Amino acid sequence: RLAYDPMVPDTTGTSTATAPFGSAQRLSLSLDQL
């Protein structure tokens, strides 16, 4: 899953941590199933 929210300030960069839909980070990557 790749999640992106342009309304979140780009202060934390990109995160690879597990993040829900509507994360507090602008761009986040997560692995839902494997």
Full PDB file with SEQRES, HELIX, SHEET, SSBOND, CRYST1, ORIGX, SCALE, CONECT and MASTER records, all heavy atoms in Angstrom:
SEQRES   1 A   34  ARG LEU ALA TYR ASP PRO MET VAL PRO ASP THR THR GLY          
SEQRES   2 A   34  THR SER THR ALA THR ALA PRO PHE GLY SER ALA GLN ARG          
SEQRES   3 A   34  LEU SER LEU SER LEU ASP GLN LEU                              
SHEET    1 AA1 3 LEU A   2  TYR A   4  0                                        
SHEET    2 AA1 3 LEU A  27  LEU A  29 -1                                        
SHEET    3 AA1 3 THR A  14  SER A  15  1                                        
CRYST1    1.000    1.000    1.000  90.00  90.00  90.00 P 1           1          
ORIGX1      1.000000  0.000000  0.000000        0.00000                         
ORIGX2      0.000000  1.000000  0.000000        0.00000                         
ORIGX3      0.000000  0.000000  1.000000        0.00000                         
SCALE1      1.000000  0.000000  0.000000        0.00000                         
SCALE2      0.000000  1.000000  0.000000        0.00000                         
SCALE3      0.000000  0.000000  1.000000        0.00000                         
ATOM      1  N   ARG A   1       0.834  -1.206   0.000  1.00  0.00           N  
ATOM      2  CA  ARG A   1       0.000   0.000   0.000  1.00  0.00           C  
ATOM      3  C   ARG A   1       0.864   1.249   0.000  1.00  0.00           C  
ATOM      4  O   ARG A   1       1.796   1.379   0.802  1.00  0.00           O  
ATOM      5  CB  ARG A   1      -0.924   0.009   1.218  1.00  0.00           C  
ATOM      6  CG  ARG A   1      -1.730   1.286   1.417  1.00  0.00           C  
ATOM      7  CD  ARG A   1      -2.781   1.078   2.474  1.00  0.00           C  
ATOM      8  NE  ARG A   1      -3.718   0.028   2.071  1.00  0.00           N  
ATOM      9  CZ  ARG A   1      -4.526  -0.598   2.904  1.00  0.00           C  
ATOM     10  NH1 ARG A   1      -4.509  -0.302   4.193  1.00  0.00           N  
ATOM     11  NH2 ARG A   1      -5.346  -1.539   2.460  1.00  0.00           N  
ATOM     12  N   LEU A   2       0.526   2.149  -0.899  1.00  0.00           N  
ATOM     13  CA  LEU A   2       1.148   3.457  -0.927  1.00  0.00           C  
ATOM     14  C   LEU A   2       0.072   4.484  -0.608  1.00  0.00           C  
ATOM     15  O   LEU A   2      -0.968   4.510  -1.265  1.00  0.00           O  
ATOM     16  CB  LEU A   2       1.773   3.733  -2.300  1.00  0.00           C  
ATOM     17  CG  LEU A   2       2.586   5.028  -2.428  1.00  0.00           C  
ATOM     18  CD1 LEU A   2       3.721   4.842  -3.413  1.00  0.00           C  
ATOM     19  CD2 LEU A   2       1.702   6.196  -2.874  1.00  0.00           C  
ATOM     20  N   ALA A   3       0.282   5.300   0.410  1.00  0.00           N  
ATOM     21  CA  ALA A   3      -0.689   6.314   0.825  1.00  0.00           C  
ATOM     22  C   ALA A   3      -0.061   7.693   0.705  1.00  0.00           C  
ATOM     23  O   ALA A   3       1.116   7.894   1.040  1.00  0.00           O  
ATOM     24  CB  ALA A   3      -1.150   6.070   2.264  1.00  0.00           C  
ATOM     25  N   TYR A   4      -0.870   8.651   0.231  1.00  0.00           N  
ATOM     26  CA  TYR A   4      -0.363  10.001   0.004  1.00  0.00           C  
ATOM     27  C   TYR A   4      -1.456  11.000   0.356  1.00  0.00           C  
ATOM     28  O   TYR A   4      -2.618  10.827  -0.018  1.00  0.00           O  
ATOM     29  CB  TYR A   4       0.047  10.170  -1.459  1.00  0.00           C  
ATOM     30  CG  TYR A   4       0.433  11.572  -1.845  1.00  0.00           C  
ATOM     31  CD1 TYR A   4       1.617  12.142  -1.383  1.00  0.00           C  
ATOM     32  CD2 TYR A   4      -0.384  12.339  -2.671  1.00  0.00           C  
ATOM     33  CE1 TYR A   4       1.974  13.430  -1.726  1.00  0.00           C  
ATOM     34  CE2 TYR A   4      -0.038  13.637  -3.027  1.00  0.00           C  
ATOM     35  CZ  TYR A   4       1.147  14.174  -2.549  1.00  0.00           C  
ATOM     36  OH  TYR A   4       1.494  15.448  -2.900  1.00  0.00           O  
ATOM     37  N   ASP A   5      -1.086  12.052   1.088  1.00  0.00           N  
ATOM     38  CA  ASP A   5      -2.016  13.118   1.439  1.00  0.00           C  
ATOM     39  C   ASP A   5      -1.306  14.456   1.252  1.00  0.00           C  
ATOM     40  O   ASP A   5      -0.434  14.826   2.036  1.00  0.00           O  
ATOM     41  CB  ASP A   5      -2.491  12.975   2.885  1.00  0.00           C  
ATOM     42  CG  ASP A   5      -3.629  13.932   3.218  1.00  0.00           C  
ATOM     43  OD1 ASP A   5      -3.854  14.889   2.450  1.00  0.00           O  
ATOM     44  OD2 ASP A   5      -4.297  13.731   4.248  1.00  0.00           O  
ATOM     45  N   PRO A   6      -1.644  15.217   0.214  1.00  0.00           N  
ATOM     46  CA  PRO A   6      -0.947  16.476  -0.040  1.00  0.00           C  
ATOM     47  C   PRO A   6      -1.215  17.540   1.008  1.00  0.00           C  
ATOM     48  O   PRO A   6      -0.486  18.545   1.068  1.00  0.00           O  
ATOM     49  CB  PRO A   6      -1.486  16.905  -1.411  1.00  0.00           C  
ATOM     50  CG  PRO A   6      -2.839  16.273  -1.494  1.00  0.00           C  
ATOM     51  CD  PRO A   6      -2.699  14.957  -0.781  1.00  0.00           C  
ATOM     52  N   MET A   7      -2.239  17.360   1.856  1.00  0.00           N  
ATOM     53  CA  MET A   7      -2.556  18.370   2.866  1.00  0.00           C  
ATOM     54  C   MET A   7      -1.689  18.239   4.110  1.00  0.00           C  
ATOM     55  O   MET A   7      -1.740  19.110   4.990  1.00  0.00           O  
ATOM     56  CB  MET A   7      -4.035  18.266   3.264  1.00  0.00           C  
ATOM     57  CG  MET A   7      -5.000  18.403   2.094  1.00  0.00           C  
ATOM     58  SD  MET A   7      -4.781  19.947   1.184  1.00  0.00           S  
ATOM     59  CE  MET A   7      -5.273  21.144   2.433  1.00  0.00           C  
ATOM     60  N   VAL A   8      -0.904  17.187   4.202  1.00  0.00           N  
ATOM     61  CA  VAL A   8      -0.017  17.010   5.345  1.00  0.00           C  
ATOM     62  C   VAL A   8       1.310  17.706   5.046  1.00  0.00           C  
ATOM     63  O   VAL A   8       1.881  17.494   3.971  1.00  0.00           O  
ATOM     64  CB  VAL A   8       0.215  15.510   5.638  1.00  0.00           C  
ATOM     65  CG1 VAL A   8       1.230  15.333   6.756  1.00  0.00           C  
ATOM     66  CG2 VAL A   8      -1.101  14.845   5.996  1.00  0.00           C  
ATOM     67  N   PRO A   9       1.825  18.541   5.947  1.00  0.00           N  
ATOM     68  CA  PRO A   9       3.104  19.207   5.688  1.00  0.00           C  
ATOM     69  C   PRO A   9       4.214  18.199   5.438  1.00  0.00           C  
ATOM     70  O   PRO A   9       4.308  17.167   6.112  1.00  0.00           O  
ATOM     71  CB  PRO A   9       3.362  19.997   6.977  1.00  0.00           C  
ATOM     72  CG  PRO A   9       2.011  20.181   7.588  1.00  0.00           C  
ATOM     73  CD  PRO A   9       1.229  18.948   7.219  1.00  0.00           C  
ATOM     74  N   ASP A  10       5.044  18.508   4.458  1.00  0.00           N  
ATOM     75  CA  ASP A  10       6.134  17.600   4.088  1.00  0.00           C  
ATOM     76  C   ASP A  10       7.332  17.846   4.988  1.00  0.00           C  
ATOM     77  O   ASP A  10       8.368  18.347   4.562  1.00  0.00           O  
ATOM     78  CB  ASP A  10       6.509  17.786   2.623  1.00  0.00           C  
ATOM     79  CG  ASP A  10       7.450  16.698   2.126  1.00  0.00           C  
ATOM     80  OD1 ASP A  10       7.579  15.678   2.817  1.00  0.00           O  
ATOM     81  OD2 ASP A  10       8.045  16.880   1.056  1.00  0.00           O  
ATOM     82  N   THR A  11       7.162  17.490   6.268  1.00  0.00           N  
ATOM     83  CA  THR A  11       8.238  17.702   7.237  1.00  0.00           C  
ATOM     84  C   THR A  11       8.854  16.409   7.728  1.00  0.00           C  
ATOM     85  O   THR A  11       9.906  16.421   8.345  1.00  0.00           O  
ATOM     86  CB  THR A  11       7.716  18.480   8.460  1.00  0.00           C  
ATOM     87  OG1 THR A  11       6.629  17.743   9.048  1.00  0.00           O  
ATOM     88  CG2 THR A  11       7.225  19.861   8.040  1.00  0.00           C  
ATOM     89  N   THR A  12       8.177  15.300   7.462  1.00  0.00           N  
ATOM     90  CA  THR A  12       8.672  14.017   7.971  1.00  0.00           C  
ATOM     91  C   THR A  12       9.246  13.139   6.877  1.00  0.00           C  
ATOM     92  O   THR A  12       9.701  12.044   7.145  1.00  0.00           O  
ATOM     93  CB  THR A  12       7.530  13.256   8.670  1.00  0.00           C  
ATOM     94  OG1 THR A  12       6.446  13.089   7.752  1.00  0.00           O  
ATOM     95  CG2 THR A  12       7.045  14.024   9.875  1.00  0.00           C  
ATOM     96  N   GLY A  13       9.197  13.627   5.611  1.00  0.00           N  
ATOM     97  CA  GLY A  13       9.748  12.821   4.530  1.00  0.00           C  
ATOM     98  C   GLY A  13       8.880  11.614   4.256  1.00  0.00           C  
ATOM     99  O   GLY A  13       7.677  11.600   4.488  1.00  0.00           O  
ATOM    100  N   THR A  14       9.504  10.576   3.776  1.00  0.00           N  
ATOM    101  CA  THR A  14       8.807   9.343   3.432  1.00  0.00           C  
ATOM    102  C   THR A  14       9.014   8.317   4.529  1.00  0.00           C  
ATOM    103  O   THR A  14      10.115   8.141   5.024  1.00  0.00           O  
ATOM    104  CB  THR A  14       9.339   8.793   2.100  1.00  0.00           C  
ATOM    105  OG1 THR A  14       9.168   9.782   1.097  1.00  0.00           O  
ATOM    106  CG2 THR A  14       8.565   7.539   1.703  1.00  0.00           C  
ATOM    107  N   SER A  15       7.960   7.641   4.891  1.00  0.00           N  
ATOM    108  CA  SER A  15       8.039   6.626   5.940  1.00  0.00           C  
ATOM    109  C   SER A  15       7.735   5.263   5.360  1.00  0.00           C  
ATOM    110  O   SER A  15       6.868   5.121   4.506  1.00  0.00           O  
ATOM    111  CB  SER A  15       7.047   6.943   7.062  1.00  0.00           C  
ATOM    112  OG  SER A  15       6.954   5.866   7.958  1.00  0.00           O  
ATOM    113  N   THR A  16       8.437   4.261   5.804  1.00  0.00           N  
ATOM    114  CA  THR A  16       8.142   2.882   5.431  1.00  0.00           C  
ATOM    115  C   THR A  16       7.442   2.148   6.564  1.00  0.00           C  
ATOM    116  O   THR A  16       7.253   0.953   6.505  1.00  0.00           O  
ATOM    117  CB  THR A  16       9.435   2.130   5.062  1.00  0.00           C  
ATOM    118  OG1 THR A  16      10.348   2.201   6.159  1.00  0.00           O  
ATOM    119  CG2 THR A  16      10.075   2.753   3.845  1.00  0.00           C  
ATOM    120  N   ALA A  17       7.083   2.858   7.611  1.00  0.00           N  
ATOM    121  CA  ALA A  17       6.399   2.237   8.736  1.00  0.00           C  
ATOM    122  C   ALA A  17       4.945   1.970   8.379  1.00  0.00           C  
ATOM    123  O   ALA A  17       4.379   2.572   7.471  1.00  0.00           O  
ATOM    124  CB  ALA A  17       6.472   3.146   9.972  1.00  0.00           C  
ATOM    125  N   THR A  18       4.347   1.055   9.106  1.00  0.00           N  
ATOM    126  CA  THR A  18       2.936   0.756   8.897  1.00  0.00           C  
ATOM    127  C   THR A  18       2.105   1.980   9.236  1.00  0.00           C  
ATOM    128  O   THR A  18       2.200   2.524  10.328  1.00  0.00           O  
ATOM    129  CB  THR A  18       2.522  -0.423   9.780  1.00  0.00           C  
ATOM    130  OG1 THR A  18       3.291  -1.556   9.402  1.00  0.00           O  
ATOM    131  CG2 THR A  18       1.053  -0.732   9.609  1.00  0.00           C  
ATOM    132  N   ALA A  19       1.304   2.443   8.292  1.00  0.00           N  
ATOM    133  CA  ALA A  19       0.523   3.657   8.496  1.00  0.00           C  
ATOM    134  C   ALA A  19      -0.868   3.453   7.935  1.00  0.00           C  
ATOM    135  O   ALA A  19      -1.042   2.876   6.875  1.00  0.00           O  
ATOM    136  CB  ALA A  19       1.196   4.845   7.806  1.00  0.00           C  
ATOM    137  N   PRO A  20      -1.910   3.904   8.644  1.00  0.00           N  
ATOM    138  CA  PRO A  20      -3.272   3.729   8.157  1.00  0.00           C  
ATOM    139  C   PRO A  20      -3.602   4.711   7.052  1.00  0.00           C  
ATOM    140  O   PRO A  20      -2.878   5.657   6.785  1.00  0.00           O  
ATOM    141  CB  PRO A  20      -4.114   3.990   9.407  1.00  0.00           C  
ATOM    142  CG  PRO A  20      -3.280   4.957  10.196  1.00  0.00           C  
ATOM    143  CD  PRO A  20      -1.842   4.551   9.943  1.00  0.00           C  
ATOM    144  N   PHE A  21      -4.731   4.469   6.406  1.00  0.00           N  
ATOM    145  CA  PHE A  21      -5.245   5.396   5.398  1.00  0.00           C  
ATOM    146  C   PHE A  21      -5.516   6.733   6.078  1.00  0.00           C  
ATOM    147  O   PHE A  21      -6.197   6.825   7.059  1.00  0.00           O  
ATOM    148  CB  PHE A  21      -6.526   4.807   4.837  1.00  0.00           C  
ATOM    149  CG  PHE A  21      -7.063   5.494   3.608  1.00  0.00           C  
ATOM    150  CD1 PHE A  21      -6.264   6.252   2.796  1.00  0.00           C  
ATOM    151  CD2 PHE A  21      -8.395   5.350   3.293  1.00  0.00           C  
ATOM    152  CE1 PHE A  21      -6.779   6.858   1.673  1.00  0.00           C  
ATOM    153  CE2 PHE A  21      -8.922   5.956   2.161  1.00  0.00           C  
ATOM    154  CZ  PHE A  21      -8.105   6.721   1.349  1.00  0.00           C  
ATOM    155  N   GLY A  22      -4.950   7.804   5.501  1.00  0.00           N  
ATOM    156  CA  GLY A  22      -5.059   9.093   6.145  1.00  0.00           C  
ATOM    157  C   GLY A  22      -3.995   9.247   7.207  1.00  0.00           C  
ATOM    158  O   GLY A  22      -4.239   9.755   8.295  1.00  0.00           O  
ATOM    159  N   SER A  23      -2.775   8.827   6.927  1.00  0.00           N  
ATOM    160  CA  SER A  23      -1.683   8.879   7.881  1.00  0.00           C  
ATOM    161  C   SER A  23      -1.303  10.311   8.193  1.00  0.00           C  
ATOM    162  O   SER A  23      -1.615  11.243   7.464  1.00  0.00           O  
ATOM    163  CB  SER A  23      -0.468   8.125   7.313  1.00  0.00           C  
ATOM    164  OG  SER A  23       0.685   8.388   8.066  1.00  0.00           O  
ATOM    165  N   ALA A  24      -0.601  10.499   9.300  1.00  0.00           N  
ATOM    166  CA  ALA A  24      -0.091  11.810   9.656  1.00  0.00           C  
ATOM    167  C   ALA A  24       1.127  12.180   8.825  1.00  0.00           C  
ATOM    168  O   ALA A  24       1.693  13.244   9.014  1.00  0.00           O  
ATOM    169  CB  ALA A  24       0.262  11.840  11.143  1.00  0.00           C  
ATOM    170  N   GLN A  25       1.531  11.339   7.894  1.00  0.00           N  
ATOM    171  CA  GLN A  25       2.656  11.603   7.025  1.00  0.00           C  
ATOM    172  C   GLN A  25       2.175  11.798   5.594  1.00  0.00           C  
ATOM    173  O   GLN A  25       1.205  11.194   5.161  1.00  0.00           O  
ATOM    174  CB  GLN A  25       3.666  10.456   7.098  1.00  0.00           C  
ATOM    175  CG  GLN A  25       4.278  10.316   8.487  1.00  0.00           C  
ATOM    176  CD  GLN A  25       4.995   9.002   8.653  1.00  0.00           C  
ATOM    177  OE1 GLN A  25       4.629   8.022   8.024  1.00  0.00           O  
ATOM    178  NE2 GLN A  25       6.004   8.989   9.497  1.00  0.00           N  
ATOM    179  N   ARG A  26       2.869  12.662   4.864  1.00  0.00           N  
ATOM    180  CA  ARG A  26       2.445  12.959   3.497  1.00  0.00           C  
ATOM    181  C   ARG A  26       2.535  11.723   2.602  1.00  0.00           C  
ATOM    182  O   ARG A  26       1.611  11.430   1.841  1.00  0.00           O  
ATOM    183  CB  ARG A  26       3.299  14.087   2.918  1.00  0.00           C  
ATOM    184  CG  ARG A  26       3.054  14.322   1.432  1.00  0.00           C  
ATOM    185  CD  ARG A  26       3.762  15.539   0.913  1.00  0.00           C  
ATOM    186  NE  ARG A  26       3.094  16.761   1.374  1.00  0.00           N  
ATOM    187  CZ  ARG A  26       3.334  17.958   0.848  1.00  0.00           C  
ATOM    188  NH1 ARG A  26       4.224  18.102  -0.110  1.00  0.00           N  
ATOM    189  NH2 ARG A  26       2.699  19.009   1.294  1.00  0.00           N  
ATOM    190  N   LEU A  27       3.626  10.998   2.686  1.00  0.00           N  
ATOM    191  CA  LEU A  27       3.817   9.828   1.840  1.00  0.00           C  
ATOM    192  C   LEU A  27       4.258   8.669   2.719  1.00  0.00           C  
ATOM    193  O   LEU A  27       5.218   8.796   3.483  1.00  0.00           O  
ATOM    194  CB  LEU A  27       4.874  10.110   0.773  1.00  0.00           C  
ATOM    195  CG  LEU A  27       5.138   9.000  -0.255  1.00  0.00           C  
ATOM    196  CD1 LEU A  27       3.894   8.750  -1.097  1.00  0.00           C  
ATOM    197  CD2 LEU A  27       6.311   9.377  -1.149  1.00  0.00           C  
ATOM    198  N   SER A  28       3.545   7.548   2.650  1.00  0.00           N  
ATOM    199  CA  SER A  28       3.886   6.406   3.490  1.00  0.00           C  
ATOM    200  C   SER A  28       3.740   5.119   2.689  1.00  0.00           C  
ATOM    201  O   SER A  28       2.904   5.018   1.788  1.00  0.00           O  
ATOM    202  CB  SER A  28       2.997   6.346   4.735  1.00  0.00           C  
ATOM    203  OG  SER A  28       1.644   6.172   4.384  1.00  0.00           O  
ATOM    204  N   LEU A  29       4.579   4.169   3.007  1.00  0.00           N  
ATOM    205  CA  LEU A  29       4.550   2.845   2.395  1.00  0.00           C  
ATOM    206  C   LEU A  29       4.275   1.821   3.485  1.00  0.00           C  
ATOM    207  O   LEU A  29       4.813   1.923   4.589  1.00  0.00           O  
ATOM    208  CB  LEU A  29       5.884   2.522   1.721  1.00  0.00           C  
ATOM    209  CG  LEU A  29       6.403   3.530   0.691  1.00  0.00           C  
ATOM    210  CD1 LEU A  29       7.781   3.123   0.213  1.00  0.00           C  
ATOM    211  CD2 LEU A  29       5.445   3.653  -0.466  1.00  0.00           C  
ATOM    212  N   SER A  30       3.451   0.852   3.200  1.00  0.00           N  
ATOM    213  CA  SER A  30       3.182  -0.187   4.183  1.00  0.00           C  
ATOM    214  C   SER A  30       2.924  -1.501   3.466  1.00  0.00           C  
ATOM    215  O   SER A  30       2.566  -1.539   2.292  1.00  0.00           O  
ATOM    216  CB  SER A  30       1.982   0.177   5.074  1.00  0.00           C  
ATOM    217  OG  SER A  30       0.809   0.369   4.300  1.00  0.00           O  
ATOM    218  N   LEU A  31       3.123  -2.580   4.197  1.00  0.00           N  
ATOM    219  CA  LEU A  31       2.881  -3.924   3.697  1.00  0.00           C  
ATOM    220  C   LEU A  31       1.651  -4.461   4.392  1.00  0.00           C  
ATOM    221  O   LEU A  31       1.668  -4.702   5.603  1.00  0.00           O  
ATOM    222  CB  LEU A  31       4.093  -4.810   3.962  1.00  0.00           C  
ATOM    223  CG  LEU A  31       4.024  -6.239   3.408  1.00  0.00           C  
ATOM    224  CD1 LEU A  31       3.993  -6.217   1.876  1.00  0.00           C  
ATOM    225  CD2 LEU A  31       5.214  -7.056   3.903  1.00  0.00           C  
ATOM    226  N   ASP A  32       0.581  -4.628   3.645  1.00  0.00           N  
ATOM    227  CA  ASP A  32      -0.667  -5.098   4.226  1.00  0.00           C  
ATOM    228  C   ASP A  32      -0.661  -6.613   4.389  1.00  0.00           C  
ATOM    229  O   ASP A  32      -1.018  -7.136   5.445  1.00  0.00           O  
ATOM    230  CB  ASP A  32      -1.841  -4.663   3.357  1.00  0.00           C  
ATOM    231  CG  ASP A  32      -3.170  -5.157   3.897  1.00  0.00           C  
ATOM    232  OD1 ASP A  32      -3.442  -4.907   5.080  1.00  0.00           O  
ATOM    233  OD2 ASP A  32      -3.925  -5.797   3.150  1.00  0.00           O  
ATOM    234  N   GLN A  33      -0.264  -7.349   3.345  1.00  0.00           N  
ATOM    235  CA  GLN A  33      -0.242  -8.802   3.398  1.00  0.00           C  
ATOM    236  C   GLN A  33       0.975  -9.329   2.638  1.00  0.00           C  
ATOM    237  O   GLN A  33       1.358  -8.780   1.613  1.00  0.00           O  
ATOM    238  CB  GLN A  33      -1.515  -9.396   2.776  1.00  0.00           C  
ATOM    239  CG  GLN A  33      -2.804  -8.980   3.453  1.00  0.00           C  
ATOM    240  CD  GLN A  33      -4.018  -9.563   2.778  1.00  0.00           C  
ATOM    241  OE1 GLN A  33      -4.160 -10.789   2.691  1.00  0.00           O  
ATOM    242  NE2 GLN A  33      -4.906  -8.721   2.299  1.00  0.00           N  
ATOM    243  N   LEU A  34       1.534 -10.403   3.155  1.00  0.00           N  
ATOM    244  CA  LEU A  34       2.624 -11.120   2.486  1.00  0.00           C  
ATOM    245  C   LEU A  34       2.652 -12.519   3.081  1.00  0.00           C  
ATOM    246  O   LEU A  34       3.228 -12.738   4.143  1.00  0.00           O  
ATOM    247  CB  LEU A  34       3.969 -10.412   2.694  1.00  0.00           C  
ATOM    248  CG  LEU A  34       5.174 -11.052   2.004  1.00  0.00           C  
ATOM    249  CD1 LEU A  34       5.015 -11.021   0.482  1.00  0.00           C  
ATOM    250  CD2 LEU A  34       6.464 -10.349   2.411  1.00  0.00           C  
TER     251      LEU A  34                                                      
MASTER        0    0    0    0    3    0    0    6  250    1    0    3          
END                                                                             
